[in-house]
Amino acid sequence: MRSCDIALLVDRYGDSVYRYCRSIAFTPEEAEDLYQQTFLKALEMHKRISLDKNPKAYLMSIATNIWRNHKSKYARRERIAPTLSGEQIQAAAGEEDILDRVVREEQLQYLRDLVERLPDKQRQTVKLFYAGELSLEEIAHILKIPKGTVKSRLHTAKEILRKEMEGH
């Protein structure tokens, strides 16, 4: 398939793909993002799509994989740094002791300082993963290294940071 045939796919299957995106996404905005990402990925992979071999199913699988990756990234981030609603923040602010807040801010600053002292390879990987919110694959592509090396660097960095934080 040529990349110009993507418009044909959008015309034929766009409504179905959008309805599917709406059914699996939590909000209309997320559904629109997922829809756009699906066709952008299809454009990237246009050579793999054949009009003779159920392109609609292929588009749905692209959307499913993108959404699955999005959910796993969100879950991982929630485990690391949960997001609070406005009401939760206000309630916590009212109950939180100033001393606790100061201690937490000091710990965060200490952790930032530790990250800055990591070896370049680990520091760069940690920043791309957590601050840049990039996947392992994306980091591997950016750094031009295997995905396993990215995992190894993240693991090593986490171990260094964990040991330092426990000793602090």
N, C-alpha and C. Protein backbone atom coordinates (compact mmCIF):
# COMPACT_ATOMS: atom_id res chain seq x y z
N MET A 1 0.84 -1.18 0.00
CA MET A 1 0.00 0.00 0.00
C MET A 1 0.88 1.23 0.00
N ARG A 2 0.47 2.22 -0.73
CA ARG A 2 1.19 3.50 -0.75
C ARG A 2 0.68 4.39 0.37
N SER A 3 1.52 5.30 0.80
CA SER A 3 1.13 6.18 1.90
C SER A 3 -0.06 7.06 1.53
N CYS A 4 -0.24 7.34 0.23
CA CYS A 4 -1.38 8.17 -0.17
C CYS A 4 -2.70 7.42 -0.02
N ASP A 5 -2.66 6.09 0.11
CA ASP A 5 -3.87 5.30 0.29
C ASP A 5 -4.42 5.38 1.71
N ILE A 6 -3.71 6.00 2.61
CA ILE A 6 -4.19 6.17 3.98
C ILE A 6 -5.49 6.98 3.97
N ALA A 7 -5.60 7.95 3.08
CA ALA A 7 -6.84 8.72 2.97
C ALA A 7 -8.01 7.80 2.65
N LEU A 8 -7.77 6.80 1.83
CA LEU A 8 -8.80 5.81 1.50
C LEU A 8 -9.22 5.04 2.75
N LEU A 9 -8.25 4.67 3.58
CA LEU A 9 -8.55 3.97 4.83
C LEU A 9 -9.36 4.85 5.77
N VAL A 10 -9.01 6.12 5.84
CA VAL A 10 -9.75 7.05 6.70
C VAL A 10 -11.19 7.15 6.20
N ASP A 11 -11.37 7.27 4.89
CA ASP A 11 -12.72 7.37 4.33
C ASP A 11 -13.53 6.11 4.60
N ARG A 12 -12.93 4.95 4.39
CA ARG A 12 -13.65 3.68 4.54
C ARG A 12 -13.89 3.29 6.00
N TYR A 13 -12.88 3.44 6.82
CA TYR A 13 -12.94 2.88 8.17
C TYR A 13 -12.85 3.91 9.28
N GLY A 14 -12.73 5.17 8.93
CA GLY A 14 -12.56 6.21 9.94
C GLY A 14 -13.65 6.23 10.99
N ASP A 15 -14.92 6.13 10.54
CA ASP A 15 -16.03 6.16 11.51
C ASP A 15 -15.97 4.97 12.46
N SER A 16 -15.70 3.80 11.92
CA SER A 16 -15.62 2.60 12.77
C SER A 16 -14.46 2.70 13.76
N VAL A 17 -13.33 3.16 13.28
CA VAL A 17 -12.17 3.30 14.16
C VAL A 17 -12.46 4.34 15.24
N TYR A 18 -13.12 5.43 14.87
CA TYR A 18 -13.43 6.46 15.86
C TYR A 18 -14.41 5.92 16.91
N ARG A 19 -15.43 5.20 16.48
CA ARG A 19 -16.38 4.62 17.45
C ARG A 19 -15.66 3.65 18.38
N TYR A 20 -14.75 2.88 17.84
CA TYR A 20 -13.97 1.96 18.67
C TYR A 20 -13.12 2.74 19.67
N CYS A 21 -12.48 3.78 19.21
CA CYS A 21 -11.66 4.61 20.11
C CYS A 21 -12.51 5.20 21.22
N ARG A 22 -13.73 5.65 20.88
CA ARG A 22 -14.63 6.20 21.90
C ARG A 22 -15.05 5.14 22.90
N SER A 23 -15.16 3.90 22.43
CA SER A 23 -15.62 2.84 23.34
C SER A 23 -14.54 2.42 24.33
N ILE A 24 -13.27 2.59 23.99
CA ILE A 24 -12.23 2.14 24.91
C ILE A 24 -11.58 3.28 25.69
N ALA A 25 -11.66 4.51 25.19
CA ALA A 25 -11.03 5.64 25.86
C ALA A 25 -11.96 6.16 26.96
N PHE A 26 -11.38 6.84 27.93
CA PHE A 26 -12.15 7.35 29.06
C PHE A 26 -12.86 8.67 28.74
N THR A 27 -12.25 9.49 27.91
CA THR A 27 -12.83 10.80 27.60
C THR A 27 -12.85 11.00 26.09
N PRO A 28 -13.69 11.91 25.61
CA PRO A 28 -13.70 12.21 24.17
C PRO A 28 -12.35 12.72 23.67
N GLU A 29 -11.65 13.49 24.50
CA GLU A 29 -10.34 14.00 24.09
C GLU A 29 -9.34 12.87 23.91
N GLU A 30 -9.36 11.91 24.83
CA GLU A 30 -8.47 10.76 24.70
C GLU A 30 -8.81 9.93 23.47
N ALA A 31 -10.11 9.83 23.19
CA ALA A 31 -10.54 9.08 22.00
C ALA A 31 -10.04 9.75 20.72
N GLU A 32 -10.11 11.07 20.68
CA GLU A 32 -9.63 11.79 19.50
C GLU A 32 -8.12 11.62 19.35
N ASP A 33 -7.41 11.71 20.45
CA ASP A 33 -5.96 11.50 20.40
C ASP A 33 -5.63 10.09 19.91
N LEU A 34 -6.35 9.12 20.44
CA LEU A 34 -6.12 7.73 20.05
C LEU A 34 -6.42 7.54 18.56
N TYR A 35 -7.49 8.12 18.09
CA TYR A 35 -7.86 8.05 16.67
C TYR A 35 -6.75 8.61 15.79
N GLN A 36 -6.25 9.79 16.16
CA GLN A 36 -5.18 10.41 15.38
C GLN A 36 -3.90 9.58 15.43
N GLN A 37 -3.56 9.09 16.61
CA GLN A 37 -2.36 8.28 16.74
C GLN A 37 -2.46 6.99 15.93
N THR A 38 -3.66 6.45 15.86
CA THR A 38 -3.88 5.22 15.09
C THR A 38 -3.56 5.45 13.62
N PHE A 39 -4.07 6.52 13.05
CA PHE A 39 -3.82 6.76 11.63
C PHE A 39 -2.40 7.26 11.37
N LEU A 40 -1.80 7.92 12.35
CA LEU A 40 -0.39 8.29 12.19
C LEU A 40 0.48 7.04 12.17
N LYS A 41 0.16 6.10 13.05
CA LYS A 41 0.91 4.84 13.07
C LYS A 41 0.67 4.06 11.78
N ALA A 42 -0.56 4.10 11.28
CA ALA A 42 -0.86 3.43 10.02
C ALA A 42 -0.07 4.06 8.88
N LEU A 43 0.09 5.36 8.93
CA LEU A 43 0.89 6.05 7.91
C LEU A 43 2.34 5.60 7.99
N GLU A 44 2.87 5.46 9.20
CA GLU A 44 4.24 4.97 9.38
C GLU A 44 4.40 3.54 8.85
N MET A 45 3.36 2.75 9.02
CA MET A 45 3.44 1.33 8.69
C MET A 45 2.70 1.00 7.40
N HIS A 46 2.57 1.97 6.53
CA HIS A 46 1.75 1.79 5.33
C HIS A 46 2.18 0.62 4.45
N LYS A 47 3.44 0.26 4.51
CA LYS A 47 3.92 -0.85 3.67
C LYS A 47 3.40 -2.20 4.17
N ARG A 48 3.01 -2.29 5.43
CA ARG A 48 2.51 -3.54 5.99
C ARG A 48 1.01 -3.73 5.76
N ILE A 49 0.31 -2.67 5.41
CA ILE A 49 -1.14 -2.74 5.26
C ILE A 49 -1.48 -3.14 3.84
N SER A 50 -2.33 -4.14 3.74
CA SER A 50 -2.80 -4.59 2.44
C SER A 50 -4.31 -4.41 2.38
N LEU A 51 -4.80 -3.78 1.32
CA LEU A 51 -6.24 -3.58 1.16
C LEU A 51 -6.96 -4.90 0.97
N ASP A 52 -6.24 -5.95 0.61
CA ASP A 52 -6.84 -7.26 0.39
C ASP A 52 -6.99 -8.06 1.69
N LYS A 53 -6.28 -7.67 2.75
CA LYS A 53 -6.22 -8.46 3.98
C LYS A 53 -6.81 -7.74 5.18
N ASN A 54 -8.05 -7.40 5.18
CA ASN A 54 -8.78 -6.84 6.31
C ASN A 54 -8.06 -5.67 6.98
N PRO A 55 -7.91 -4.55 6.29
CA PRO A 55 -7.22 -3.41 6.89
C PRO A 55 -7.95 -2.82 8.10
N LYS A 56 -9.27 -3.03 8.16
CA LYS A 56 -10.01 -2.53 9.31
C LYS A 56 -9.53 -3.20 10.59
N ALA A 57 -9.35 -4.51 10.55
CA ALA A 57 -8.86 -5.24 11.73
C ALA A 57 -7.45 -4.78 12.10
N TYR A 58 -6.65 -4.51 11.09
CA TYR A 58 -5.29 -4.04 11.34
C TYR A 58 -5.33 -2.68 12.04
N LEU A 59 -6.22 -1.78 11.60
CA LEU A 59 -6.36 -0.47 12.23
C LEU A 59 -6.84 -0.61 13.67
N MET A 60 -7.78 -1.52 13.89
CA MET A 60 -8.28 -1.74 15.25
C MET A 60 -7.17 -2.28 16.16
N SER A 61 -6.33 -3.15 15.62
CA SER A 61 -5.24 -3.68 16.44
C SER A 61 -4.22 -2.59 16.76
N ILE A 62 -4.00 -1.69 15.81
CA ILE A 62 -3.10 -0.56 16.08
C ILE A 62 -3.67 0.27 17.23
N ALA A 63 -4.97 0.60 17.14
CA ALA A 63 -5.61 1.40 18.19
C ALA A 63 -5.54 0.68 19.54
N THR A 64 -5.78 -0.61 19.53
CA THR A 64 -5.74 -1.39 20.77
C THR A 64 -4.35 -1.36 21.39
N ASN A 65 -3.34 -1.56 20.58
CA ASN A 65 -1.97 -1.56 21.10
C ASN A 65 -1.56 -0.19 21.63
N ILE A 66 -1.94 0.85 20.93
CA ILE A 66 -1.63 2.21 21.40
C ILE A 66 -2.31 2.45 22.73
N TRP A 67 -3.58 2.07 22.84
CA TRP A 67 -4.33 2.28 24.08
C TRP A 67 -3.76 1.45 25.22
N ARG A 68 -3.39 0.22 24.94
CA ARG A 68 -2.80 -0.64 25.96
C ARG A 68 -1.49 -0.02 26.48
N ASN A 69 -0.68 0.48 25.59
CA ASN A 69 0.57 1.14 26.00
C ASN A 69 0.28 2.38 26.84
N HIS A 70 -0.72 3.15 26.42
CA HIS A 70 -1.09 4.35 27.16
C HIS A 70 -1.53 4.00 28.58
N LYS A 71 -2.37 2.98 28.71
CA LYS A 71 -2.86 2.58 30.03
C LYS A 71 -1.74 2.07 30.92
N SER A 72 -0.81 1.30 30.35
CA SER A 72 0.27 0.78 31.18
C SER A 72 1.21 1.90 31.63
N LYS A 73 1.45 2.88 30.76
CA LYS A 73 2.26 4.04 31.17
C LYS A 73 1.57 4.80 32.29
N TYR A 74 0.27 4.99 32.14
CA TYR A 74 -0.50 5.72 33.16
C TYR A 74 -0.45 4.97 34.49
N ALA A 75 -0.65 3.66 34.45
CA ALA A 75 -0.64 2.87 35.68
C ALA A 75 0.72 2.93 36.36
N ARG A 76 1.79 2.84 35.56
CA ARG A 76 3.14 2.90 36.12
C ARG A 76 3.38 4.26 36.77
N ARG A 77 2.95 5.31 36.13
CA ARG A 77 3.15 6.65 36.70
C ARG A 77 2.33 6.85 37.97
N GLU A 78 1.13 6.28 37.99
CA GLU A 78 0.29 6.38 39.18
C GLU A 78 0.93 5.65 40.36
N ARG A 79 1.60 4.52 40.07
CA ARG A 79 2.29 3.81 41.15
C ARG A 79 3.46 4.63 41.68
N ILE A 80 4.15 5.32 40.78
CA ILE A 80 5.33 6.09 41.17
C ILE A 80 4.92 7.40 41.82
N ALA A 81 4.04 8.13 41.20
CA ALA A 81 3.62 9.45 41.69
C ALA A 81 2.13 9.63 41.42
N PRO A 82 1.27 9.18 42.35
CA PRO A 82 -0.17 9.28 42.13
C PRO A 82 -0.61 10.72 41.96
N THR A 83 -1.56 10.90 41.05
CA THR A 83 -2.13 12.22 40.85
C THR A 83 -3.34 12.35 41.76
N LEU A 84 -3.48 13.49 42.36
CA LEU A 84 -4.59 13.75 43.28
C LEU A 84 -5.58 14.69 42.64
N SER A 85 -6.84 14.53 42.98
CA SER A 85 -7.85 15.46 42.50
C SER A 85 -7.73 16.76 43.29
N GLY A 86 -8.39 17.80 42.82
CA GLY A 86 -8.35 19.09 43.51
C GLY A 86 -8.86 18.99 44.93
N GLU A 87 -9.93 18.20 45.13
CA GLU A 87 -10.49 18.02 46.47
C GLU A 87 -9.51 17.30 47.38
N GLN A 88 -8.84 16.29 46.84
CA GLN A 88 -7.86 15.55 47.64
C GLN A 88 -6.70 16.45 48.04
N ILE A 89 -6.27 17.30 47.12
CA ILE A 89 -5.16 18.21 47.42
C ILE A 89 -5.56 19.19 48.51
N GLN A 90 -6.77 19.76 48.41
CA GLN A 90 -7.23 20.71 49.42
C GLN A 90 -7.37 20.03 50.78
N ALA A 91 -7.91 18.81 50.79
CA ALA A 91 -8.06 18.08 52.05
C ALA A 91 -6.70 17.77 52.65
N ALA A 92 -5.78 17.34 51.81
CA ALA A 92 -4.44 17.02 52.30
C ALA A 92 -3.73 18.26 52.80
N ALA A 93 -3.92 19.38 52.12
CA ALA A 93 -3.26 20.62 52.54
C ALA A 93 -3.77 21.06 53.90
N GLY A 94 -5.05 20.85 54.16
CA GLY A 94 -5.62 21.24 55.45
C GLY A 94 -5.14 20.33 56.56
N GLU A 95 -4.92 19.07 56.28
CA GLU A 95 -4.53 18.10 57.29
C GLU A 95 -3.02 17.98 57.45
N GLU A 96 -2.31 18.36 56.41
CA GLU A 96 -0.88 18.12 56.39
C GLU A 96 -0.14 19.05 57.34
N ASP A 97 0.74 18.49 58.09
CA ASP A 97 1.57 19.25 58.99
C ASP A 97 2.67 19.93 58.19
N ILE A 98 3.01 21.14 58.52
CA ILE A 98 4.04 21.88 57.80
C ILE A 98 5.37 21.15 57.87
N LEU A 99 5.67 20.56 59.00
CA LEU A 99 6.91 19.82 59.15
C LEU A 99 6.98 18.66 58.16
N ASP A 100 5.86 17.94 57.99
CA ASP A 100 5.82 16.83 57.02
C ASP A 100 6.08 17.34 55.61
N ARG A 101 5.50 18.47 55.28
CA ARG A 101 5.68 19.04 53.94
C ARG A 101 7.13 19.43 53.72
N VAL A 102 7.76 20.03 54.72
CA VAL A 102 9.16 20.43 54.60
C VAL A 102 10.05 19.20 54.42
N VAL A 103 9.77 18.14 55.21
CA VAL A 103 10.56 16.91 55.10
C VAL A 103 10.40 16.32 53.70
N ARG A 104 9.18 16.27 53.19
CA ARG A 104 8.95 15.70 51.86
C ARG A 104 9.66 16.52 50.78
N GLU A 105 9.61 17.83 50.89
CA GLU A 105 10.30 18.69 49.92
C GLU A 105 11.81 18.48 49.98
N GLU A 106 12.34 18.30 51.18
CA GLU A 106 13.77 18.03 51.32
C GLU A 106 14.13 16.69 50.69
N GLN A 107 13.28 15.69 50.88
CA GLN A 107 13.53 14.38 50.28
C GLN A 107 13.50 14.46 48.76
N LEU A 108 12.55 15.20 48.23
CA LEU A 108 12.48 15.36 46.77
C LEU A 108 13.72 16.07 46.24
N GLN A 109 14.16 17.08 46.94
CA GLN A 109 15.36 17.80 46.51
C GLN A 109 16.58 16.89 46.58
N TYR A 110 16.65 16.09 47.64
CA TYR A 110 17.76 15.15 47.78
C TYR A 110 17.74 14.15 46.63
N LEU A 111 16.55 13.65 46.28
CA LEU A 111 16.42 12.72 45.17
C LEU A 111 16.84 13.38 43.86
N ARG A 112 16.43 14.62 43.63
CA ARG A 112 16.85 15.34 42.41
C ARG A 112 18.37 15.47 42.35
N ASP A 113 18.96 15.78 43.50
CA ASP A 113 20.42 15.90 43.56
C ASP A 113 21.10 14.56 43.25
N LEU A 114 20.52 13.48 43.79
CA LEU A 114 21.06 12.15 43.52
C LEU A 114 20.98 11.82 42.03
N VAL A 115 19.86 12.15 41.41
CA VAL A 115 19.70 11.90 39.97
C VAL A 115 20.77 12.65 39.20
N GLU A 116 21.04 13.88 39.59
CA GLU A 116 22.07 14.68 38.90
C GLU A 116 23.47 14.09 39.07
N ARG A 117 23.68 13.34 40.15
CA ARG A 117 25.00 12.75 40.38
C ARG A 117 25.16 11.37 39.75
N LEU A 118 24.09 10.83 39.17
CA LEU A 118 24.19 9.53 38.49
C LEU A 118 25.16 9.63 37.32
N PRO A 119 25.74 8.52 36.92
CA PRO A 119 26.56 8.53 35.69
C PRO A 119 25.69 8.99 34.51
N ASP A 120 26.32 9.61 33.53
CA ASP A 120 25.60 10.19 32.40
C ASP A 120 24.59 9.24 31.78
N LYS A 121 24.98 8.01 31.54
CA LYS A 121 24.09 7.06 30.86
C LYS A 121 22.83 6.81 31.67
N GLN A 122 22.96 6.59 32.97
CA GLN A 122 21.79 6.35 33.80
C GLN A 122 20.96 7.62 33.97
N ARG A 123 21.62 8.76 34.19
CA ARG A 123 20.91 10.02 34.37
C ARG A 123 20.06 10.34 33.15
N GLN A 124 20.65 10.20 31.98
CA GLN A 124 19.94 10.50 30.74
C GLN A 124 18.73 9.58 30.57
N THR A 125 18.90 8.31 30.86
CA THR A 125 17.81 7.35 30.73
C THR A 125 16.69 7.65 31.72
N VAL A 126 17.05 7.94 32.98
CA VAL A 126 16.05 8.26 34.00
C VAL A 126 15.26 9.50 33.61
N LYS A 127 15.94 10.52 33.14
CA LYS A 127 15.25 11.76 32.77
C LYS A 127 14.34 11.56 31.57
N LEU A 128 14.78 10.79 30.58
CA LEU A 128 13.92 10.52 29.42
C LEU A 128 12.69 9.72 29.83
N PHE A 129 12.88 8.76 30.74
CA PHE A 129 11.79 7.89 31.15
C PHE A 129 10.78 8.61 32.03
N TYR A 130 11.26 9.29 33.08
CA TYR A 130 10.34 9.89 34.04
C TYR A 130 9.93 11.31 33.66
N ALA A 131 10.87 12.17 33.35
CA ALA A 131 10.52 13.55 33.01
C ALA A 131 9.99 13.64 31.58
N GLY A 132 10.62 12.91 30.66
CA GLY A 132 10.18 12.95 29.28
C GLY A 132 8.99 12.06 28.99
N GLU A 133 8.66 11.18 29.95
CA GLU A 133 7.54 10.25 29.84
C GLU A 133 7.59 9.45 28.54
N LEU A 134 8.79 8.96 28.21
CA LEU A 134 8.97 8.18 27.00
C LEU A 134 8.99 6.70 27.33
N SER A 135 8.59 5.89 26.37
CA SER A 135 8.61 4.44 26.55
C SER A 135 10.04 3.93 26.41
N LEU A 136 10.24 2.70 26.80
CA LEU A 136 11.55 2.08 26.66
C LEU A 136 11.97 2.05 25.20
N GLU A 137 11.02 1.74 24.32
CA GLU A 137 11.31 1.69 22.89
C GLU A 137 11.72 3.06 22.36
N GLU A 138 11.00 4.09 22.80
CA GLU A 138 11.32 5.44 22.35
C GLU A 138 12.71 5.86 22.82
N ILE A 139 13.02 5.53 24.06
CA ILE A 139 14.34 5.87 24.59
C ILE A 139 15.42 5.11 23.82
N ALA A 140 15.18 3.82 23.56
CA ALA A 140 16.14 3.03 22.81
C ALA A 140 16.37 3.63 21.43
N HIS A 141 15.31 4.08 20.80
CA HIS A 141 15.42 4.69 19.47
C HIS A 141 16.22 6.01 19.55
N ILE A 142 15.91 6.82 20.54
CA ILE A 142 16.59 8.11 20.69
C ILE A 142 18.07 7.93 20.96
N LEU A 143 18.39 7.01 21.88
CA LEU A 143 19.78 6.79 22.26
C LEU A 143 20.52 5.83 21.34
N LYS A 144 19.76 5.21 20.42
CA LYS A 144 20.34 4.25 19.47
C LYS A 144 21.03 3.10 20.20
N ILE A 145 20.29 2.54 21.17
CA ILE A 145 20.76 1.39 21.93
C ILE A 145 19.62 0.37 22.00
N PRO A 146 19.93 -0.89 22.32
CA PRO A 146 18.86 -1.89 22.44
C PRO A 146 17.93 -1.59 23.63
N LYS A 147 16.69 -2.04 23.51
CA LYS A 147 15.71 -1.86 24.58
C LYS A 147 16.20 -2.48 25.89
N GLY A 148 16.86 -3.62 25.80
CA GLY A 148 17.39 -4.28 27.00
C GLY A 148 18.41 -3.43 27.72
N THR A 149 19.18 -2.67 26.98
CA THR A 149 20.17 -1.77 27.58
C THR A 149 19.46 -0.64 28.33
N VAL A 150 18.37 -0.15 27.76
CA VAL A 150 17.58 0.89 28.44
C VAL A 150 17.06 0.33 29.76
N LYS A 151 16.49 -0.88 29.72
CA LYS A 151 15.98 -1.50 30.94
C LYS A 151 17.09 -1.65 31.98
N SER A 152 18.25 -2.11 31.53
CA SER A 152 19.37 -2.31 32.42
C SER A 152 19.81 -0.99 33.07
N ARG A 153 19.89 0.05 32.27
CA ARG A 153 20.28 1.36 32.81
C ARG A 153 19.27 1.88 33.82
N LEU A 154 17.98 1.71 33.52
CA LEU A 154 16.95 2.14 34.47
C LEU A 154 17.04 1.34 35.77
N HIS A 155 17.23 0.04 35.64
CA HIS A 155 17.33 -0.80 36.83
C HIS A 155 18.54 -0.39 37.68
N THR A 156 19.67 -0.20 37.03
CA THR A 156 20.88 0.21 37.74
C THR A 156 20.67 1.54 38.44
N ALA A 157 20.07 2.49 37.75
CA ALA A 157 19.82 3.82 38.33
C ALA A 157 18.88 3.71 39.53
N LYS A 158 17.82 2.93 39.40
CA LYS A 158 16.87 2.77 40.51
C LYS A 158 17.54 2.14 41.72
N GLU A 159 18.41 1.16 41.48
CA GLU A 159 19.12 0.52 42.59
C GLU A 159 20.05 1.52 43.29
N ILE A 160 20.76 2.31 42.52
CA ILE A 160 21.65 3.33 43.09
C ILE A 160 20.83 4.31 43.92
N LEU A 161 19.73 4.79 43.35
CA LEU A 161 18.90 5.77 44.04
C LEU A 161 18.26 5.17 45.29
N ARG A 162 17.78 3.93 45.20
CA ARG A 162 17.15 3.27 46.35
C ARG A 162 18.15 3.15 47.49
N LYS A 163 19.36 2.69 47.21
CA LYS A 163 20.38 2.51 48.25
C LYS A 163 20.74 3.84 48.89
N GLU A 164 20.88 4.87 48.05
CA GLU A 164 21.23 6.19 48.58
C GLU A 164 20.09 6.76 49.44
N MET A 165 18.85 6.56 48.99
CA MET A 165 17.71 7.09 49.75
C MET A 165 17.54 6.34 51.07
N GLU A 166 17.80 5.03 51.06
CA GLU A 166 17.69 4.25 52.31
C GLU A 166 18.77 4.70 53.29
N GLY A 167 19.94 5.05 52.81
CA GLY A 167 21.03 5.47 53.68
C GLY A 167 20.86 6.89 54.19
N HIS A 168 19.95 7.64 53.60
CA HIS A 168 19.78 9.04 53.95
C HIS A 168 18.88 9.18 55.16
